[in-house]
Protein backbone atom coordinates (compact mmCIF):
# COMPACT_ATOMS: atom_id res chain seq x y z
CA UNK A 1 76.97 125.59 117.33
CA UNK A 2 76.82 122.65 119.39
CA UNK A 3 73.80 121.10 117.55
CA UNK A 4 74.80 117.44 116.45
CA UNK A 5 74.24 118.71 112.61
CA UNK A 6 75.92 121.39 112.55
CA UNK A 7 78.86 119.19 113.82
CA UNK A 8 78.58 116.32 111.89
CA UNK A 9 77.35 113.26 112.99
CA UNK A 10 78.79 109.77 114.39
CA UNK A 11 76.08 107.51 112.82
CA UNK A 12 79.06 105.56 111.03
CA UNK A 13 80.85 104.98 114.26
CA UNK A 14 77.39 103.91 116.15
CA UNK A 15 76.84 101.74 113.11
CA UNK A 16 80.20 99.86 113.51
CA UNK A 17 80.10 99.64 116.93
CA UNK A 18 76.35 97.70 116.76
CA UNK A 19 77.19 95.78 114.03
CA UNK A 20 80.48 94.15 115.70
CA UNK A 21 78.00 93.53 118.95
CA UNK A 22 75.36 92.17 116.80
CA UNK A 23 77.38 89.66 114.43
CA UNK A 24 78.93 88.86 117.89
CA UNK A 25 75.18 87.84 119.53
CA UNK A 26 74.45 85.96 115.91
CA UNK A 27 77.79 83.85 115.64
CA UNK A 28 77.42 82.85 119.13
CA UNK A 29 73.80 81.81 118.83
CA UNK A 30 72.20 83.46 122.48
CA UNK A 31 69.58 85.34 119.97
CA UNK A 32 67.39 84.71 116.78
CA UNK A 33 67.73 87.10 113.92
CA UNK A 34 64.67 89.37 115.42
CA UNK A 35 65.89 89.82 118.75
CA UNK A 36 69.08 90.69 117.14
CA UNK A 37 67.35 93.57 114.78
CA UNK A 38 65.27 95.22 118.11
CA UNK A 39 68.46 94.59 119.62
CA UNK A 40 70.91 96.42 117.18
CA UNK A 41 68.14 99.60 116.63
CA UNK A 42 67.38 99.85 120.61
CA UNK A 43 71.53 100.35 121.38
CA UNK A 44 71.98 102.28 118.47
CA UNK A 45 69.37 104.65 119.69
CA UNK A 46 70.40 104.66 122.86
CA UNK A 47 74.35 105.15 122.08
CA UNK A 48 73.27 107.95 119.57
CA UNK A 49 71.23 109.79 122.96
CA UNK A 50 74.12 108.94 125.31
CA UNK A 51 76.92 110.39 122.90
CA UNK A 52 75.41 113.07 120.85
CA UNK A 53 76.92 115.69 123.47
CA UNK A 54 80.43 113.59 123.26
CA UNK A 55 80.97 114.02 119.61
CA UNK A 56 83.83 115.98 118.64
CA UNK A 57 84.31 115.05 115.19
CA UNK A 58 87.28 117.96 114.42
CA UNK A 59 88.84 116.38 117.65
CA UNK A 60 88.13 112.34 117.28
CA UNK A 61 89.98 111.66 120.71
CA UNK A 62 87.99 114.26 122.60
CA UNK A 63 85.29 112.19 124.14
CA UNK A 64 86.86 109.16 123.10
CA UNK A 65 86.86 107.41 126.86
CA UNK A 66 83.41 108.60 127.76
CA UNK A 67 82.44 106.52 124.50
CA UNK A 68 84.05 103.09 125.49
CA UNK A 69 82.29 100.02 125.26
CA UNK A 70 83.00 97.78 127.51
CA UNK A 71 83.39 93.85 126.49
CA UNK A 72 85.41 92.64 129.26
CA UNK A 73 83.55 89.98 130.89
CA UNK A 74 81.38 92.98 132.58
CA UNK A 75 78.34 94.35 130.96
CA UNK A 76 78.48 97.89 130.09
CA UNK A 77 75.60 99.43 131.62
CA UNK A 78 74.52 100.73 127.95
CA UNK A 79 74.45 97.33 126.33
CA UNK A 80 72.49 96.13 128.98
CA UNK A 81 69.85 98.28 128.68
CA UNK A 82 69.62 97.83 125.11
CA UNK A 83 69.33 93.80 126.20
CA UNK A 84 66.47 94.76 128.21
CA UNK A 85 64.28 95.33 125.24
CA UNK A 86 65.08 92.46 123.74
């Protein structure tokens, strides 16, 4: 029973992370609304795929280091991958 559906989804958490980064881009004015939408959808898809085997609702801290998104002036590779699609 290791399927994502059987264990619960991580959609609310991914949506929160994507929303945070998208609002940041929107506020900074680096991209237009269409680009923000494309980035948001791409990042959501990439994160869901990347983390699907690293989600444990019964043990939320397990895998949290793997799921960390860096925003310390260095581009996180997953965010960079989503940014290449816009």
